[in-house]
């Protein structure tokens, strides 16, 4: 069995700090990584919306030994950038609906880097108009995605894992949004 690599976009809340994170809000579920756990339970959760879910639903849970979810932050500074900031790894893609149109994926392993160490993939994403698209390494119509995704995964996984610092940062932002 082979591994499947996905690249899931999400809108970043902050790009000027040490880490790029998802937006946080007290009254909603933002798409992106939740390393502190969606329910603040310490699980490695990822939240995806309905459009992403429809694409993920087509993936058979038994066809792949490992599923790697690359987090592609959409950052708005002077110009729009697409940065691979980290990844989750899971043995199966188990999607759980947590609210209408919002789904949770829980993983077993995580790897995140600082903003300065992130992988800028803007050139390919913008040139091919893939800004809001999930890329899959098993795409029949776009075999080039497998090459790109493997390159991005190898690049990000070769960098020092700052997961615990990233998790603490996300938890602090979340606590602020709850007060």
C-alpha atoms as a PDB file:
ATOM      1  CA  UNK A   1       0.000   0.000   0.000  1.00  0.00           C
ATOM      2  CA  UNK A   2       1.171   3.489  -0.748  1.00  0.00           C
ATOM      3  CA  UNK A   3       0.898   6.812   1.027  1.00  0.00           C
ATOM      4  CA  UNK A   4      -1.533   9.496  -0.002  1.00  0.00           C
ATOM      5  CA  UNK A   5      -0.540  13.163   0.306  1.00  0.00           C
ATOM      6  CA  UNK A   6      -3.151  15.913   0.422  1.00  0.00           C
ATOM      7  CA  UNK A   7      -2.616  19.657   0.460  1.00  0.00           C
ATOM      8  CA  UNK A   8      -5.474  21.449   2.225  1.00  0.00           C
ATOM      9  CA  UNK A   9      -5.719  25.265   2.059  1.00  0.00           C
ATOM     10  CA  UNK A  10      -6.881  27.457   4.934  1.00  0.00           C
ATOM     11  CA  UNK A  11      -6.923  31.193   5.548  1.00  0.00           C
ATOM     12  CA  UNK A  12      -4.197  32.265   7.943  1.00  0.00           C
ATOM     13  CA  UNK A  13      -4.867  34.654  10.794  1.00  0.00           C
ATOM     14  CA  UNK A  14      -1.348  35.868  11.355  1.00  0.00           C
ATOM     15  CA  UNK A  15       1.697  35.917   9.148  1.00  0.00           C
ATOM     16  CA  UNK A  16       3.869  38.393  11.024  1.00  0.00           C
ATOM     17  CA  UNK A  17       4.532  36.222  14.064  1.00  0.00           C
ATOM     18  CA  UNK A  18       6.815  33.260  14.542  1.00  0.00           C
ATOM     19  CA  UNK A  19       4.074  30.896  13.351  1.00  0.00           C
ATOM     20  CA  UNK A  20       1.249  31.010  10.814  1.00  0.00           C
ATOM     21  CA  UNK A  21      -2.035  29.745  12.291  1.00  0.00           C
ATOM     22  CA  UNK A  22      -5.672  29.410  11.418  1.00  0.00           C
ATOM     23  CA  UNK A  23      -8.040  32.198  12.386  1.00  0.00           C
ATOM     24  CA  UNK A  24      -9.527  31.775  15.844  1.00  0.00           C
ATOM     25  CA  UNK A  25     -12.989  32.770  16.923  1.00  0.00           C
ATOM     26  CA  UNK A  26     -15.084  32.074  19.967  1.00  0.00           C
ATOM     27  CA  UNK A  27     -18.295  31.515  18.002  1.00  0.00           C
ATOM     28  CA  UNK A  28     -17.245  29.506  14.954  1.00  0.00           C
ATOM     29  CA  UNK A  29     -15.149  26.700  13.546  1.00  0.00           C
ATOM     30  CA  UNK A  30     -12.297  27.877  11.363  1.00  0.00           C
ATOM     31  CA  UNK A  31     -10.779  25.510   8.824  1.00  0.00           C
ATOM     32  CA  UNK A  32      -7.223  24.404   9.428  1.00  0.00           C
ATOM     33  CA  UNK A  33      -5.092  22.618  11.997  1.00  0.00           C
ATOM     34  CA  UNK A  34      -6.094  22.391  15.661  1.00  0.00           C
ATOM     35  CA  UNK A  35      -2.978  20.939  17.340  1.00  0.00           C
ATOM     36  CA  UNK A  36      -4.510  21.692  20.745  1.00  0.00           C
ATOM     37  CA  UNK A  37      -7.570  19.638  19.781  1.00  0.00           C
ATOM     38  CA  UNK A  38     -10.860  20.951  18.480  1.00  0.00           C
ATOM     39  CA  UNK A  39     -12.365  20.339  21.938  1.00  0.00           C
ATOM     40  CA  UNK A  40      -9.154  21.410  23.721  1.00  0.00           C
ATOM     41  CA  UNK A  41      -8.505  17.726  24.387  1.00  0.00           C
ATOM     42  CA  UNK A  42      -4.942  17.627  23.037  1.00  0.00           C
ATOM     43  CA  UNK A  43      -5.861  15.593  19.939  1.00  0.00           C
ATOM     44  CA  UNK A  44      -4.415  16.466  16.540  1.00  0.00           C
ATOM     45  CA  UNK A  45      -7.532  17.710  14.807  1.00  0.00           C
ATOM     46  CA  UNK A  46      -8.064  19.332  11.443  1.00  0.00           C
ATOM     47  CA  UNK A  47     -11.310  21.063  10.483  1.00  0.00           C
ATOM     48  CA  UNK A  48     -12.450  21.098   6.851  1.00  0.00           C
ATOM     49  CA  UNK A  49     -15.523  22.625   5.250  1.00  0.00           C
ATOM     50  CA  UNK A  50     -18.195  21.075   3.059  1.00  0.00           C
ATOM     51  CA  UNK A  51     -16.444  21.577  -0.298  1.00  0.00           C
ATOM     52  CA  UNK A  52     -13.258  19.960   0.987  1.00  0.00           C
ATOM     53  CA  UNK A  53     -15.262  17.151   2.584  1.00  0.00           C
ATOM     54  CA  UNK A  54     -16.875  16.206  -0.719  1.00  0.00           C
ATOM     55  CA  UNK A  55     -13.419  15.753  -2.247  1.00  0.00           C
ATOM     56  CA  UNK A  56     -12.064  13.875   0.760  1.00  0.00           C
ATOM     57  CA  UNK A  57     -15.108  11.610   0.854  1.00  0.00           C
ATOM     58  CA  UNK A  58     -13.993  10.027  -2.438  1.00  0.00           C
ATOM     59  CA  UNK A  59     -10.846   8.622  -0.811  1.00  0.00           C
ATOM     60  CA  UNK A  60     -11.151   5.011   0.249  1.00  0.00           C
ATOM     61  CA  UNK A  61     -10.068   4.550   3.856  1.00  0.00           C
ATOM     62  CA  UNK A  62      -8.454   1.191   3.120  1.00  0.00           C
ATOM     63  CA  UNK A  63      -6.386   2.007   0.025  1.00  0.00           C
ATOM     64  CA  UNK A  64      -3.495   3.809   1.724  1.00  0.00           C
ATOM     65  CA  UNK A  65      -1.036   2.871   4.441  1.00  0.00           C
ATOM     66  CA  UNK A  66      -0.477   6.495   5.482  1.00  0.00           C
ATOM     67  CA  UNK A  67      -2.334   9.690   4.713  1.00  0.00           C
ATOM     68  CA  UNK A  68      -0.379  12.923   4.983  1.00  0.00           C
ATOM     69  CA  UNK A  69      -2.247  16.236   5.179  1.00  0.00           C
ATOM     70  CA  UNK A  70      -0.059  19.199   4.230  1.00  0.00           C
ATOM     71  CA  UNK A  71      -1.404  22.459   5.633  1.00  0.00           C
ATOM     72  CA  UNK A  72      -1.267  25.230   3.031  1.00  0.00           C
ATOM     73  CA  UNK A  73      -1.774  28.612   4.658  1.00  0.00           C
ATOM     74  CA  UNK A  74      -3.165  31.398   2.498  1.00  0.00           C
ATOM     75  CA  UNK A  75      -1.380  34.472   3.792  1.00  0.00           C
ATOM     76  CA  UNK A  76      -2.354  38.055   2.943  1.00  0.00           C
ATOM     77  CA  UNK A  77       0.493  40.547   3.286  1.00  0.00           C
ATOM     78  CA  UNK A  78       1.619  42.861   0.505  1.00  0.00           C
ATOM     79  CA  UNK A  79       0.745  39.991  -1.802  1.00  0.00           C
ATOM     80  CA  UNK A  80      -1.015  36.664  -1.376  1.00  0.00           C
ATOM     81  CA  UNK A  81       1.280  33.768  -0.523  1.00  0.00           C
ATOM     82  CA  UNK A  82       0.658  30.054  -0.136  1.00  0.00           C
ATOM     83  CA  UNK A  83       2.892  28.490   2.511  1.00  0.00           C
ATOM     84  CA  UNK A  84       3.208  24.869   3.575  1.00  0.00           C
ATOM     85  CA  UNK A  85       3.528  25.266   7.356  1.00  0.00           C
ATOM     86  CA  UNK A  86       3.350  21.655   8.489  1.00  0.00           C
ATOM     87  CA  UNK A  87       1.538  18.362   8.203  1.00  0.00           C
ATOM     88  CA  UNK A  88      -0.489  15.723  10.002  1.00  0.00           C
ATOM     89  CA  UNK A  89      -0.061  12.025   9.384  1.00  0.00           C
ATOM     90  CA  UNK A  90      -2.827   9.513   9.952  1.00  0.00           C
ATOM     91  CA  UNK A  91      -3.420   5.842   9.241  1.00  0.00           C
ATOM     92  CA  UNK A  92      -6.970   6.411   8.020  1.00  0.00           C
ATOM     93  CA  UNK A  93      -9.113   9.306   6.919  1.00  0.00           C
ATOM     94  CA  UNK A  94     -11.889   9.201   9.509  1.00  0.00           C
ATOM     95  CA  UNK A  95     -14.178  12.196   8.983  1.00  0.00           C
ATOM     96  CA  UNK A  96     -16.627  13.224  11.714  1.00  0.00           C
ATOM     97  CA  UNK A  97     -19.295  15.885  11.198  1.00  0.00           C
ATOM     98  CA  UNK A  98     -19.125  18.397  14.066  1.00  0.00           C
ATOM     99  CA  UNK A  99     -21.547  20.993  12.686  1.00  0.00           C
ATOM    100  CA  UNK A 100     -23.483  21.432   9.452  1.00  0.00           C
ATOM    101  CA  UNK A 101     -20.891  21.597   6.696  1.00  0.00           C
ATOM    102  CA  UNK A 102     -17.880  21.227   9.042  1.00  0.00           C
ATOM    103  CA  UNK A 103     -15.886  18.024   9.477  1.00  0.00           C
ATOM    104  CA  UNK A 104     -13.125  16.929  11.835  1.00  0.00           C
ATOM    105  CA  UNK A 105     -10.156  14.688  11.013  1.00  0.00           C
ATOM    106  CA  UNK A 106      -7.963  13.383  13.848  1.00  0.00           C
ATOM    107  CA  UNK A 107      -4.345  12.391  13.186  1.00  0.00           C
ATOM    108  CA  UNK A 108      -1.596  10.522  15.050  1.00  0.00           C
ATOM    109  CA  UNK A 109       1.502  12.550  14.148  1.00  0.00           C
ATOM    110  CA  UNK A 110       2.268  16.220  13.516  1.00  0.00           C
ATOM    111  CA  UNK A 111       5.170  18.290  12.190  1.00  0.00           C
ATOM    112  CA  UNK A 112       5.161  22.116  12.023  1.00  0.00           C
ATOM    113  CA  UNK A 113       7.764  24.769  11.274  1.00  0.00           C
ATOM    114  CA  UNK A 114       8.122  28.494  11.866  1.00  0.00           C
ATOM    115  CA  UNK A 115       6.954  31.056   9.322  1.00  0.00           C
ATOM    116  CA  UNK A 116      10.540  31.612   8.143  1.00  0.00           C
ATOM    117  CA  UNK A 117      11.041  27.885   7.540  1.00  0.00           C
ATOM    118  CA  UNK A 118       7.736  27.317   5.747  1.00  0.00           C
ATOM    119  CA  UNK A 119       7.730  26.188   2.121  1.00  0.00           C
ATOM    120  CA  UNK A 120       6.475  28.870  -0.279  1.00  0.00           C
ATOM    121  CA  UNK A 121       4.440  27.129  -3.002  1.00  0.00           C
ATOM    122  CA  UNK A 122       2.790  30.289  -4.352  1.00  0.00           C
ATOM    123  CA  UNK A 123       4.319  29.983  -7.814  1.00  0.00           C
ATOM    124  CA  UNK A 124       2.614  26.671  -8.623  1.00  0.00           C
ATOM    125  CA  UNK A 125      -0.639  27.385  -6.769  1.00  0.00           C
ATOM    126  CA  UNK A 126      -1.207  30.767  -8.417  1.00  0.00           C
ATOM    127  CA  UNK A 127       0.097  29.797 -11.887  1.00  0.00           C
ATOM    128  CA  UNK A 128      -2.306  26.832 -12.050  1.00  0.00           C
ATOM    129  CA  UNK A 129      -5.208  28.673 -10.313  1.00  0.00           C
ATOM    130  CA  UNK A 130      -5.356  26.206  -7.406  1.00  0.00           C
ATOM    131  CA  UNK A 131      -5.861  28.745  -4.617  1.00  0.00           C
ATOM    132  CA  UNK A 132      -8.874  27.104  -2.970  1.00  0.00           C
ATOM    133  CA  UNK A 133      -8.321  23.550  -4.146  1.00  0.00           C
ATOM    134  CA  UNK A 134      -7.297  20.410  -2.292  1.00  0.00           C
ATOM    135  CA  UNK A 135      -4.453  18.736  -4.148  1.00  0.00           C
ATOM    136  CA  UNK A 136      -4.201  14.939  -4.022  1.00  0.00           C
ATOM    137  CA  UNK A 137      -1.197  12.820  -4.933  1.00  0.00           C
ATOM    138  CA  UNK A 138      -3.539  10.218  -6.450  1.00  0.00           C
ATOM    139  CA  UNK A 139      -5.140  12.612  -8.951  1.00  0.00           C
ATOM    140  CA  UNK A 140      -5.787  10.801 -12.233  1.00  0.00           C
ATOM    141  CA  UNK A 141      -6.191  14.039 -14.178  1.00  0.00           C
ATOM    142  CA  UNK A 142      -3.127  15.747 -12.713  1.00  0.00           C
ATOM    143  CA  UNK A 143      -0.239  13.314 -12.142  1.00  0.00           C
ATOM    144  CA  UNK A 144       2.078  16.322 -11.657  1.00  0.00           C
ATOM    145  CA  UNK A 145       0.427  16.881  -8.250  1.00  0.00           C
ATOM    146  CA  UNK A 146       2.111  13.731  -6.927  1.00  0.00           C
ATOM    147  CA  UNK A 147       5.548  15.128  -7.805  1.00  0.00           C
ATOM    148  CA  UNK A 148       4.820  18.527  -6.268  1.00  0.00           C
ATOM    149  CA  UNK A 149       3.286  17.091  -3.098  1.00  0.00           C
ATOM    150  CA  UNK A 150       6.162  14.666  -2.560  1.00  0.00           C
ATOM    151  CA  UNK A 151       8.658  17.509  -3.016  1.00  0.00           C
ATOM    152  CA  UNK A 152       6.772  19.754  -0.582  1.00  0.00           C
ATOM    153  CA  UNK A 153       6.422  16.934   1.961  1.00  0.00           C
ATOM    154  CA  UNK A 154      10.118  16.028   1.747  1.00  0.00           C
ATOM    155  CA  UNK A 155      11.088  19.692   2.069  1.00  0.00           C
ATOM    156  CA  UNK A 156       8.926  20.397   5.138  1.00  0.00           C
ATOM    157  CA  UNK A 157       9.713  17.098   6.879  1.00  0.00           C
ATOM    158  CA  UNK A 158      13.458  17.707   6.539  1.00  0.00           C
ATOM    159  CA  UNK A 159      13.167  20.802   8.758  1.00  0.00           C
ATOM    160  CA  UNK A 160      13.235  20.838  12.549  1.00  0.00           C
ATOM    161  CA  UNK A 161       9.859  19.951  14.036  1.00  0.00           C
ATOM    162  CA  UNK A 162       8.566  22.855  16.154  1.00  0.00           C
ATOM    163  CA  UNK A 163       5.251  21.172  16.894  1.00  0.00           C
ATOM    164  CA  UNK A 164       5.185  21.803  20.647  1.00  0.00           C
ATOM    165  CA  UNK A 165       5.946  25.509  20.209  1.00  0.00           C
ATOM    166  CA  UNK A 166       3.305  25.698  17.456  1.00  0.00           C
ATOM    167  CA  UNK A 167       0.753  23.951  19.669  1.00  0.00           C
ATOM    168  CA  UNK A 168       1.428  26.334  22.569  1.00  0.00           C
ATOM    169  CA  UNK A 169       1.088  29.334  20.247  1.00  0.00           C
ATOM    170  CA  UNK A 170      -2.263  28.072  18.885  1.00  0.00           C
ATOM    171  CA  UNK A 171      -3.511  27.372  22.396  1.00  0.00           C
ATOM    172  CA  UNK A 172      -2.632  30.907  23.525  1.00  0.00           C
ATOM    173  CA  UNK A 173      -4.490  32.408  20.550  1.00  0.00           C
ATOM    174  CA  UNK A 174      -7.480  30.201  21.218  1.00  0.00           C
ATOM    175  CA  UNK A 175      -7.602  31.117  24.898  1.00  0.00           C
ATOM    176  CA  UNK A 176      -7.536  34.823  23.929  1.00  0.00           C
ATOM    177  CA  UNK A 177     -10.444  34.300  21.530  1.00  0.00           C
ATOM    178  CA  UNK A 178     -12.503  32.644  24.274  1.00  0.00           C
ATOM    179  CA  UNK A 179     -12.142  35.580  26.685  1.00  0.00           C
END
